């Protein structure tokens, strides 16, 4: 397959996904192979939310919608224009995927195939329902992909390069076993918001999307706040109340109750509003239903802090306080060039030997 054929195949997948929006599902008969796959996709959405209690239908469909918007012929062509992909010799790339949010490994899947390589996929058991079905749709669109896509639960043996995502502990395991091959190995990362106290109500409400989407389980989810000394939490908590329905989810509520009890028994000072805990802590990785915060004396010291910890941070949310700031409410809307850990995966896939 030439590059343009691969782009067209993925753009057809985008059209298929566009039938499943948070505004409602609508079968579009002009979408290729929709008669064969539409009902099955509905069943996959249903089974996925039962298979993993953190994957609510709202969050599943949110993920599908984001990919529907990204997988257009125009977006894909613009994304790939700077690279010389027609010169790539096909090789086998092993991809070990995380499972924290729905379709979290799709960008790696897309990147390997769009470059013309074969992908050997090992999924997390927490997120192994949706991608194989989307792969089957892609193969129906372009049968040439059948020999390029393989799912496995076994240990990788025959591969030319590796892309692996996991925790800090599993990253050490990946380095040990795969370090001799060309590789991208990703560790745990979190996102942080730098607030000044001058944020508008609308900005703070939008920040709630960065905090609560996917229950805060994504690496692009804000898990920590950088706040000026003496910060008044009144407006913050008023804005967060927009998301109070999250406590109705049993798994989230159980985590809230558990973490609150642990903190109180440990005599930690807490701020809370009935569904969100705030704890002063230097760490970036906060438990579910908890936001850590840290105070700063000047904006400059806050920016220096997050800059020094760049290897622990995926996104910095602020009102343009850093050169790479993500605006409030936008962390879960990455573009195709928003590479995890800032590592250009397409460049990697075109250069490894």
Foldseek 3Di string as FASTA:
>chain_A
DALLLLLVLLLLLLVLLCQQAPVHGDQDVPRPCCVVPVVVVVVLLVVLCVQAVLADSNQQNVVSNLSSVQSHSVNVCVVCVVDDLRPFDAWEEEEEDDQLGEPRVVLVVSLQVSSPYAYEYEYDSNHDRPVVSSQVSSCVSPVVCPVRYHYDNDDDDGGQEYEYEDAPVVLVVCCVPHVVHHYHYAHQAAAEEEDELPDDLVLLLLLLLLACRSLQRDRLRFQEYEYAPPRDCPSNVVSNVVVVCVCVRPVQVVQLVVVVVVCVVVVFDWDDDNQAIEGADPDRDDTGRYHYYHYDHDLVVVVVVCVVVLSRHLAYEYPPSDVRHDHRNCSVNDHSCSDGSNDRVNVSSRDGD
